[in-house]
Each structure stands twice: as structure tokens, then as C-alpha cells.
Amino acid sequence: MPTISINGENKNFSGDPDMPLLWFVRDGLNLTGTKFGCGAGVCGACTVHVDGVAVRSCQTTVGQALGKTVTTIEGLSTTGDHPVQRAWRQLNVPQCGFCQAGQIMQAAALIAKNPDPSDAQIVEVMDGNICRCGCYQRIHEAIRLAAGGV
């Protein structure tokens, strides 16, 4: 049976490999921190890491993730102490919070790849993550704070 490593645990998958990874994570594994937003890969609410790269899980199939390492918001830090998560709390970033798991996952991938991103790089990488509450300034500030704490 094919397996996927999700948050450090191998998970068996016997369904349709064309199923969006989002549905396997949420419905199959009950990891509901990853949110369904638009279903078209443009809002970023469903962002997870596949082999360390931020991807939209609504547009990534389980078949594409087989044999790879997937990290969801629940697996980013089991204690919630990833530098991005700490910065989010310190600056009280979210209002409604719906998009925040995707925002955090996108920011964490950015910082892992580029520990000291410029303001322009932050804007470029975060551009595809939509916050309906308009918390972009606080999100940006939290990423700068987290980058300084990595």
C-alpha cells in the first residue's frame, strides 16, 4: 500500500491518487488546521509543505505526494514554537484566523529557504496568500520578526 509521510508519520493511502491532498489531510487524517478556501489554488488557505516546498494542497494530488514528506500546520511545531508561530502570537497577527495556517506555512517555507528575506521578497512570496481581514501589514511585520529570530 502506498504511503505518505505526514508530520513525521507514515500514512497509508488506498484511495484515488487524483484526490486532492487537502481532502486526505482533512477528511482522511482529521488534520483540520489546513483550510479549504477557494479550491483553485489562488487563496493559499490550504498551504502545506511537500518536501519543504509550500504548495496548495487543493491543487496537489495525493498521487503527487506519495513517497514524499508532507508537513501541515499541525506538524510545523508540535508545541507551536516555530519562529513564525511565535512572531504571529507576539504581534497578534490574526483577526478571524481562517487564512492564518496557510499564511504561516507560506512564511515558514520562505524563511527556511531564505533566512533573511528582503521586504520585496516577503511581498513576492506572500502575494498569493489572501487575508480577507487585511492583516497584511502585521503578517509582513511578523515575518520580519521571525526572520530575525531564526
N, C-alpha and C. Protein backbone atom coordinates (compact mmCIF):
# COMPACT_ATOMS: atom_id res chain seq x y z
N MET A 1 0.85 -1.18 0.00
CA MET A 1 0.00 0.00 0.00
C MET A 1 0.89 1.24 0.00
N PRO A 2 0.60 2.20 -0.86
CA PRO A 2 1.41 3.42 -0.92
C PRO A 2 1.32 4.21 0.39
N THR A 3 2.41 4.89 0.72
CA THR A 3 2.44 5.70 1.95
C THR A 3 2.93 7.12 1.66
N ILE A 4 2.53 7.99 2.56
CA ILE A 4 2.99 9.38 2.56
C ILE A 4 3.43 9.67 3.99
N SER A 5 4.55 10.33 4.13
CA SER A 5 4.97 10.78 5.45
C SER A 5 4.28 12.12 5.72
N ILE A 6 3.41 12.14 6.70
CA ILE A 6 2.71 13.37 7.06
C ILE A 6 3.02 13.69 8.52
N ASN A 7 3.63 14.83 8.72
CA ASN A 7 4.03 15.28 10.05
C ASN A 7 4.87 14.23 10.78
N GLY A 8 5.74 13.58 10.02
CA GLY A 8 6.67 12.63 10.61
C GLY A 8 6.12 11.22 10.79
N GLU A 9 4.90 10.97 10.36
CA GLU A 9 4.31 9.63 10.48
C GLU A 9 3.93 9.12 9.11
N ASN A 10 4.27 7.86 8.83
CA ASN A 10 3.87 7.26 7.56
C ASN A 10 2.40 6.92 7.61
N LYS A 11 1.69 7.38 6.60
CA LYS A 11 0.24 7.15 6.49
C LYS A 11 -0.03 6.36 5.22
N ASN A 12 -0.81 5.30 5.35
CA ASN A 12 -1.20 4.51 4.19
C ASN A 12 -2.30 5.22 3.43
N PHE A 13 -2.27 5.02 2.13
CA PHE A 13 -3.31 5.59 1.29
C PHE A 13 -3.73 4.56 0.27
N SER A 14 -5.03 4.25 0.24
CA SER A 14 -5.53 3.25 -0.70
C SER A 14 -6.61 3.81 -1.62
N GLY A 15 -6.78 5.13 -1.63
CA GLY A 15 -7.83 5.74 -2.44
C GLY A 15 -7.36 6.15 -3.82
N ASP A 16 -8.13 7.04 -4.41
CA ASP A 16 -7.86 7.57 -5.75
C ASP A 16 -6.66 8.50 -5.68
N PRO A 17 -5.59 8.22 -6.42
CA PRO A 17 -4.41 9.08 -6.37
C PRO A 17 -4.65 10.49 -6.92
N ASP A 18 -5.79 10.69 -7.60
CA ASP A 18 -6.13 12.02 -8.10
C ASP A 18 -6.87 12.87 -7.07
N MET A 19 -7.13 12.30 -5.89
CA MET A 19 -7.79 13.06 -4.82
C MET A 19 -6.89 14.21 -4.39
N PRO A 20 -7.44 15.40 -4.21
CA PRO A 20 -6.61 16.49 -3.68
C PRO A 20 -6.03 16.12 -2.31
N LEU A 21 -4.78 16.45 -2.13
CA LEU A 21 -4.12 16.19 -0.85
C LEU A 21 -4.90 16.83 0.30
N LEU A 22 -5.50 17.97 0.06
CA LEU A 22 -6.30 18.65 1.07
C LEU A 22 -7.34 17.73 1.69
N TRP A 23 -8.05 16.97 0.88
CA TRP A 23 -9.12 16.12 1.39
C TRP A 23 -8.57 14.94 2.16
N PHE A 24 -7.43 14.39 1.74
CA PHE A 24 -6.83 13.31 2.51
C PHE A 24 -6.38 13.83 3.88
N VAL A 25 -5.76 15.00 3.89
CA VAL A 25 -5.29 15.58 5.16
C VAL A 25 -6.47 15.88 6.08
N ARG A 26 -7.48 16.57 5.57
CA ARG A 26 -8.61 17.00 6.40
C ARG A 26 -9.57 15.86 6.74
N ASP A 27 -10.05 15.16 5.70
CA ASP A 27 -11.09 14.15 5.92
C ASP A 27 -10.52 12.79 6.28
N GLY A 28 -9.41 12.43 5.67
CA GLY A 28 -8.82 11.12 5.93
C GLY A 28 -8.04 11.06 7.23
N LEU A 29 -7.36 12.14 7.56
CA LEU A 29 -6.49 12.14 8.75
C LEU A 29 -6.99 13.06 9.86
N ASN A 30 -8.06 13.80 9.60
CA ASN A 30 -8.66 14.72 10.58
C ASN A 30 -7.68 15.79 11.05
N LEU A 31 -6.82 16.24 10.14
CA LEU A 31 -5.90 17.35 10.42
C LEU A 31 -6.55 18.60 9.83
N THR A 32 -7.41 19.23 10.60
CA THR A 32 -8.28 20.27 10.08
C THR A 32 -7.69 21.68 10.15
N GLY A 33 -6.43 21.80 10.53
CA GLY A 33 -5.80 23.12 10.52
C GLY A 33 -5.62 23.65 9.10
N THR A 34 -5.42 22.75 8.15
CA THR A 34 -5.32 23.13 6.75
C THR A 34 -6.73 23.40 6.25
N LYS A 35 -6.96 24.58 5.74
CA LYS A 35 -8.33 25.02 5.39
C LYS A 35 -8.61 24.93 3.91
N PHE A 36 -9.88 24.70 3.58
CA PHE A 36 -10.37 24.84 2.21
C PHE A 36 -10.78 26.28 2.04
N GLY A 37 -10.22 26.93 1.04
CA GLY A 37 -10.59 28.32 0.78
C GLY A 37 -11.30 28.45 -0.55
N CYS A 38 -10.53 28.42 -1.63
CA CYS A 38 -11.10 28.66 -2.96
C CYS A 38 -11.20 27.40 -3.81
N GLY A 39 -10.37 26.41 -3.54
CA GLY A 39 -10.36 25.20 -4.35
C GLY A 39 -9.65 25.36 -5.67
N ALA A 40 -9.12 26.53 -5.94
CA ALA A 40 -8.45 26.80 -7.22
C ALA A 40 -6.97 27.13 -7.05
N GLY A 41 -6.45 27.05 -5.83
CA GLY A 41 -5.04 27.30 -5.59
C GLY A 41 -4.64 28.76 -5.59
N VAL A 42 -5.59 29.67 -5.46
CA VAL A 42 -5.24 31.08 -5.53
C VAL A 42 -5.31 31.82 -4.19
N CYS A 43 -5.89 31.23 -3.15
CA CYS A 43 -6.02 31.97 -1.89
C CYS A 43 -4.96 31.60 -0.86
N GLY A 44 -4.43 30.38 -0.92
CA GLY A 44 -3.38 29.98 0.00
C GLY A 44 -3.82 29.40 1.32
N ALA A 45 -5.12 29.34 1.60
CA ALA A 45 -5.58 28.82 2.89
C ALA A 45 -5.19 27.36 3.11
N CYS A 46 -4.98 26.63 2.03
CA CYS A 46 -4.69 25.19 2.12
C CYS A 46 -3.20 24.88 2.04
N THR A 47 -2.34 25.87 2.21
CA THR A 47 -0.90 25.67 2.02
C THR A 47 -0.32 24.69 3.02
N VAL A 48 0.43 23.72 2.49
CA VAL A 48 1.21 22.77 3.27
C VAL A 48 2.59 22.71 2.65
N HIS A 49 3.50 22.00 3.27
CA HIS A 49 4.83 21.80 2.70
C HIS A 49 4.92 20.37 2.16
N VAL A 50 5.43 20.23 0.95
CA VAL A 50 5.76 18.92 0.39
C VAL A 50 7.25 18.96 0.10
N ASP A 51 7.97 18.12 0.82
CA ASP A 51 9.44 18.12 0.76
C ASP A 51 9.99 19.52 0.98
N GLY A 52 9.38 20.25 1.92
CA GLY A 52 9.86 21.57 2.33
C GLY A 52 9.40 22.72 1.47
N VAL A 53 8.67 22.45 0.41
CA VAL A 53 8.20 23.49 -0.50
C VAL A 53 6.73 23.77 -0.23
N ALA A 54 6.36 25.04 -0.12
CA ALA A 54 4.96 25.41 0.10
C ALA A 54 4.16 25.12 -1.16
N VAL A 55 3.08 24.35 -1.01
CA VAL A 55 2.20 24.01 -2.13
C VAL A 55 0.76 24.19 -1.69
N ARG A 56 -0.10 24.35 -2.67
CA ARG A 56 -1.54 24.43 -2.41
C ARG A 56 -2.08 23.01 -2.42
N SER A 57 -2.54 22.55 -1.27
CA SER A 57 -2.98 21.17 -1.17
C SER A 57 -4.29 20.91 -1.90
N CYS A 58 -5.02 21.95 -2.27
CA CYS A 58 -6.24 21.75 -3.05
C CYS A 58 -5.91 21.44 -4.51
N GLN A 59 -4.71 21.77 -4.95
CA GLN A 59 -4.29 21.55 -6.32
C GLN A 59 -3.21 20.49 -6.45
N THR A 60 -2.75 19.96 -5.32
CA THR A 60 -1.75 18.89 -5.29
C THR A 60 -2.49 17.59 -5.02
N THR A 61 -2.28 16.59 -5.85
CA THR A 61 -2.97 15.33 -5.63
C THR A 61 -2.20 14.46 -4.64
N VAL A 62 -2.90 13.51 -4.07
CA VAL A 62 -2.25 12.55 -3.19
C VAL A 62 -1.18 11.81 -3.99
N GLY A 63 -1.48 11.47 -5.23
CA GLY A 63 -0.50 10.78 -6.08
C GLY A 63 0.79 11.55 -6.23
N GLN A 64 0.70 12.87 -6.31
CA GLN A 64 1.91 13.69 -6.42
C GLN A 64 2.70 13.72 -5.11
N ALA A 65 2.04 13.43 -4.01
CA ALA A 65 2.70 13.47 -2.69
C ALA A 65 3.18 12.10 -2.22
N LEU A 66 2.78 11.04 -2.89
CA LEU A 66 3.20 9.70 -2.48
C LEU A 66 4.72 9.61 -2.43
N GLY A 67 5.23 9.04 -1.36
CA GLY A 67 6.66 8.87 -1.20
C GLY A 67 7.39 10.13 -0.77
N LYS A 68 6.64 11.20 -0.54
CA LYS A 68 7.26 12.47 -0.14
C LYS A 68 6.91 12.79 1.31
N THR A 69 7.52 13.85 1.81
CA THR A 69 7.28 14.31 3.17
C THR A 69 6.35 15.51 3.14
N VAL A 70 5.21 15.38 3.82
CA VAL A 70 4.23 16.46 3.89
C VAL A 70 4.21 16.99 5.32
N THR A 71 4.19 18.30 5.44
CA THR A 71 4.05 18.93 6.75
C THR A 71 2.85 19.85 6.70
N THR A 72 1.94 19.68 7.65
CA THR A 72 0.79 20.55 7.79
C THR A 72 1.06 21.51 8.96
N ILE A 73 0.15 22.42 9.19
CA ILE A 73 0.31 23.36 10.30
C ILE A 73 0.45 22.61 11.63
N GLU A 74 -0.22 21.47 11.76
CA GLU A 74 -0.12 20.69 13.00
C GLU A 74 1.29 20.13 13.20
N GLY A 75 2.02 19.91 12.11
CA GLY A 75 3.35 19.32 12.20
C GLY A 75 4.49 20.32 12.12
N LEU A 76 4.17 21.59 11.88
CA LEU A 76 5.22 22.60 11.79
C LEU A 76 6.00 22.66 13.09
N SER A 77 5.29 22.65 14.20
CA SER A 77 5.90 22.57 15.53
C SER A 77 4.82 22.03 16.46
N THR A 78 5.07 20.88 17.04
CA THR A 78 4.06 20.27 17.90
C THR A 78 3.76 21.12 19.13
N THR A 79 4.68 22.00 19.48
CA THR A 79 4.47 22.87 20.65
C THR A 79 4.07 24.29 20.25
N GLY A 80 3.99 24.55 18.95
CA GLY A 80 3.63 25.89 18.49
C GLY A 80 4.76 26.89 18.63
N ASP A 81 6.00 26.41 18.67
CA ASP A 81 7.14 27.27 18.92
C ASP A 81 8.00 27.54 17.69
N HIS A 82 7.50 27.27 16.51
CA HIS A 82 8.25 27.66 15.32
C HIS A 82 8.39 29.19 15.37
N PRO A 83 9.51 29.74 14.91
CA PRO A 83 9.69 31.20 14.97
C PRO A 83 8.54 31.99 14.34
N VAL A 84 7.97 31.48 13.26
CA VAL A 84 6.84 32.18 12.64
C VAL A 84 5.63 32.16 13.56
N GLN A 85 5.35 31.03 14.18
CA GLN A 85 4.22 30.95 15.11
C GLN A 85 4.41 31.86 16.31
N ARG A 86 5.63 31.92 16.83
CA ARG A 86 5.91 32.82 17.96
C ARG A 86 5.70 34.28 17.55
N ALA A 87 6.20 34.65 16.38
CA ALA A 87 6.05 36.03 15.89
C ALA A 87 4.58 36.36 15.68
N TRP A 88 3.82 35.42 15.15
CA TRP A 88 2.37 35.63 14.94
C TRP A 88 1.69 35.97 16.26
N ARG A 89 2.03 35.21 17.30
CA ARG A 89 1.42 35.46 18.62
C ARG A 89 1.90 36.79 19.20
N GLN A 90 3.19 37.04 19.10
CA GLN A 90 3.76 38.26 19.68
C GLN A 90 3.12 39.51 19.08
N LEU A 91 2.86 39.49 17.79
CA LEU A 91 2.30 40.66 17.11
C LEU A 91 0.79 40.60 16.93
N ASN A 92 0.16 39.59 17.52
CA ASN A 92 -1.31 39.44 17.42
C ASN A 92 -1.78 39.60 15.97
N VAL A 93 -1.22 38.81 15.09
CA VAL A 93 -1.47 38.96 13.65
C VAL A 93 -2.92 38.72 13.26
N PRO A 94 -3.53 37.59 13.62
CA PRO A 94 -4.84 37.28 13.01
C PRO A 94 -6.00 38.06 13.59
N GLN A 95 -6.99 38.25 12.75
CA GLN A 95 -8.29 38.72 13.22
C GLN A 95 -9.21 37.50 13.23
N CYS A 96 -9.75 37.11 12.08
CA CYS A 96 -10.64 35.95 12.07
C CYS A 96 -9.84 34.66 12.17
N GLY A 97 -8.64 34.65 11.60
CA GLY A 97 -7.77 33.49 11.71
C GLY A 97 -7.92 32.44 10.63
N PHE A 98 -8.91 32.55 9.76
CA PHE A 98 -9.16 31.49 8.79
C PHE A 98 -7.96 31.23 7.89
N CYS A 99 -7.32 32.26 7.41
CA CYS A 99 -6.21 32.10 6.47
C CYS A 99 -4.87 31.85 7.15
N GLN A 100 -4.82 31.98 8.44
CA GLN A 100 -3.53 32.05 9.12
C GLN A 100 -2.67 30.81 9.03
N ALA A 101 -3.26 29.62 9.03
CA ALA A 101 -2.43 28.42 8.88
C ALA A 101 -1.69 28.45 7.54
N GLY A 102 -2.40 28.82 6.48
CA GLY A 102 -1.76 28.92 5.17
C GLY A 102 -0.72 30.02 5.12
N GLN A 103 -1.02 31.15 5.75
CA GLN A 103 -0.05 32.25 5.81
C GLN A 103 1.22 31.80 6.53
N ILE A 104 1.04 31.15 7.66
CA ILE A 104 2.18 30.68 8.47
C ILE A 104 3.00 29.66 7.69
N MET A 105 2.34 28.74 7.01
CA MET A 105 3.07 27.72 6.26
C MET A 105 3.85 28.34 5.10
N GLN A 106 3.26 29.31 4.43
CA GLN A 106 3.96 30.00 3.33
C GLN A 106 5.17 30.76 3.88
N ALA A 107 4.98 31.46 5.01
CA ALA A 107 6.06 32.22 5.62
C ALA A 107 7.18 31.31 6.13
N ALA A 108 6.81 30.18 6.72
CA ALA A 108 7.82 29.25 7.23
C ALA A 108 8.67 28.68 6.09
N ALA A 109 8.05 28.39 4.95
CA ALA A 109 8.81 27.89 3.80
C ALA A 109 9.75 28.97 3.28
N LEU A 110 9.28 30.21 3.26
CA LEU A 110 10.13 31.32 2.83
C LEU A 110 11.36 31.43 3.71
N ILE A 111 11.16 31.44 5.01
CA ILE A 111 12.28 31.63 5.94
C ILE A 111 13.23 30.44 5.92
N ALA A 112 12.69 29.23 5.71
CA ALA A 112 13.56 28.05 5.61
C ALA A 112 14.48 28.17 4.40
N LYS A 113 13.95 28.72 3.31
CA LYS A 113 14.73 28.86 2.08
C LYS A 113 15.62 30.10 2.11
N ASN A 114 15.11 31.16 2.72
CA ASN A 114 15.82 32.45 2.75
C ASN A 114 15.68 33.04 4.16
N PRO A 115 16.64 32.77 5.04
CA PRO A 115 16.52 33.20 6.44
C PRO A 115 16.47 34.71 6.66
N ASP A 116 16.86 35.49 5.66
CA ASP A 116 16.84 36.94 5.81
C ASP A 116 16.23 37.59 4.56
N PRO A 117 14.94 37.36 4.34
CA PRO A 117 14.33 37.90 3.13
C PRO A 117 14.19 39.42 3.19
N SER A 118 14.31 40.04 2.03
CA SER A 118 14.06 41.48 1.94
C SER A 118 12.56 41.73 1.99
N ASP A 119 12.17 42.97 2.19
CA ASP A 119 10.76 43.31 2.19
C ASP A 119 10.12 42.93 0.85
N ALA A 120 10.83 43.18 -0.25
CA ALA A 120 10.31 42.85 -1.57
C ALA A 120 10.13 41.34 -1.73
N GLN A 121 11.07 40.56 -1.21
CA GLN A 121 10.95 39.10 -1.29
C GLN A 121 9.76 38.60 -0.47
N ILE A 122 9.53 39.19 0.68
CA ILE A 122 8.38 38.81 1.50
C ILE A 122 7.10 39.08 0.73
N VAL A 123 6.99 40.27 0.17
CA VAL A 123 5.79 40.64 -0.60
C VAL A 123 5.59 39.67 -1.76
N GLU A 124 6.66 39.37 -2.48
CA GLU A 124 6.56 38.49 -3.65
C GLU A 124 6.09 37.09 -3.26
N VAL A 125 6.68 36.51 -2.22
CA VAL A 125 6.34 35.14 -1.83
C VAL A 125 4.95 35.06 -1.20
N MET A 126 4.58 36.07 -0.45
CA MET A 126 3.30 36.04 0.25
C MET A 126 2.14 36.54 -0.61
N ASP A 127 2.44 37.04 -1.80
CA ASP A 127 1.43 37.65 -2.66
C ASP A 127 0.24 36.74 -2.94
N GLY A 128 0.43 35.45 -3.04
CA GLY A 128 -0.67 34.53 -3.35
C GLY A 128 -1.49 34.08 -2.17
N ASN A 129 -1.21 34.60 -0.99
CA ASN A 129 -1.98 34.24 0.21
C ASN A 129 -2.91 35.39 0.55
N ILE A 130 -4.19 35.12 0.48
CA ILE A 130 -5.20 36.16 0.69
C ILE A 130 -5.66 36.17 2.14
N CYS A 131 -5.72 37.38 2.70
CA CYS A 131 -6.26 37.59 4.04
C CYS A 131 -7.48 38.49 3.89
N ARG A 132 -8.64 37.94 4.12
CA ARG A 132 -9.87 38.71 3.94
C ARG A 132 -9.99 39.84 4.95
N CYS A 133 -9.30 39.71 6.07
CA CYS A 133 -9.34 40.76 7.09
C CYS A 133 -8.35 41.89 6.81
N GLY A 134 -7.45 41.68 5.88
CA GLY A 134 -6.48 42.72 5.53
C GLY A 134 -5.34 42.87 6.51
N CYS A 135 -4.90 41.80 7.12
CA CYS A 135 -3.84 41.85 8.13
C CYS A 135 -2.44 41.83 7.50
N TYR A 136 -2.32 42.28 6.28
CA TYR A 136 -1.06 42.16 5.56
C TYR A 136 0.11 42.85 6.24
N GLN A 137 -0.11 44.02 6.82
CA GLN A 137 0.99 44.72 7.47
C GLN A 137 1.51 43.92 8.66
N ARG A 138 0.59 43.39 9.46
CA ARG A 138 1.02 42.58 10.62
C ARG A 138 1.68 41.28 10.18
N ILE A 139 1.16 40.67 9.11
CA ILE A 139 1.78 39.45 8.57
C ILE A 139 3.21 39.76 8.15
N HIS A 140 3.39 40.84 7.42
CA HIS A 140 4.72 41.24 6.96
C HIS A 140 5.66 41.49 8.15
N GLU A 141 5.18 42.22 9.14
CA GLU A 141 6.00 42.50 10.32
C GLU A 141 6.36 41.23 11.07
N ALA A 142 5.43 40.30 11.15
CA ALA A 142 5.71 39.04 11.84
C ALA A 142 6.76 38.22 11.10
N ILE A 143 6.73 38.25 9.79
CA ILE A 143 7.75 37.53 9.03
C ILE A 143 9.11 38.16 9.26
N ARG A 144 9.18 39.49 9.27
CA ARG A 144 10.46 40.16 9.57
C ARG A 144 10.94 39.76 10.96
N LEU A 145 10.03 39.75 11.94
CA LEU A 145 10.39 39.36 13.30
C LEU A 145 10.88 37.91 13.35
N ALA A 146 10.15 37.02 12.69
CA ALA A 146 10.54 35.61 12.70
C ALA A 146 11.88 35.41 12.01
N ALA A 147 12.12 36.13 10.94
CA ALA A 147 13.40 36.00 10.23
C ALA A 147 14.56 36.44 11.13
N GLY A 148 14.32 37.43 11.95
CA GLY A 148 15.36 37.88 12.87
C GLY A 148 15.60 36.90 14.01
N GLY A 149 14.61 36.05 14.26
CA GLY A 149 14.71 35.10 15.37
C GLY A 149 15.10 33.70 14.96
N VAL A 150 15.35 33.51 13.65
CA VAL A 150 15.70 32.16 13.17
C VAL A 150 17.16 31.89 13.43
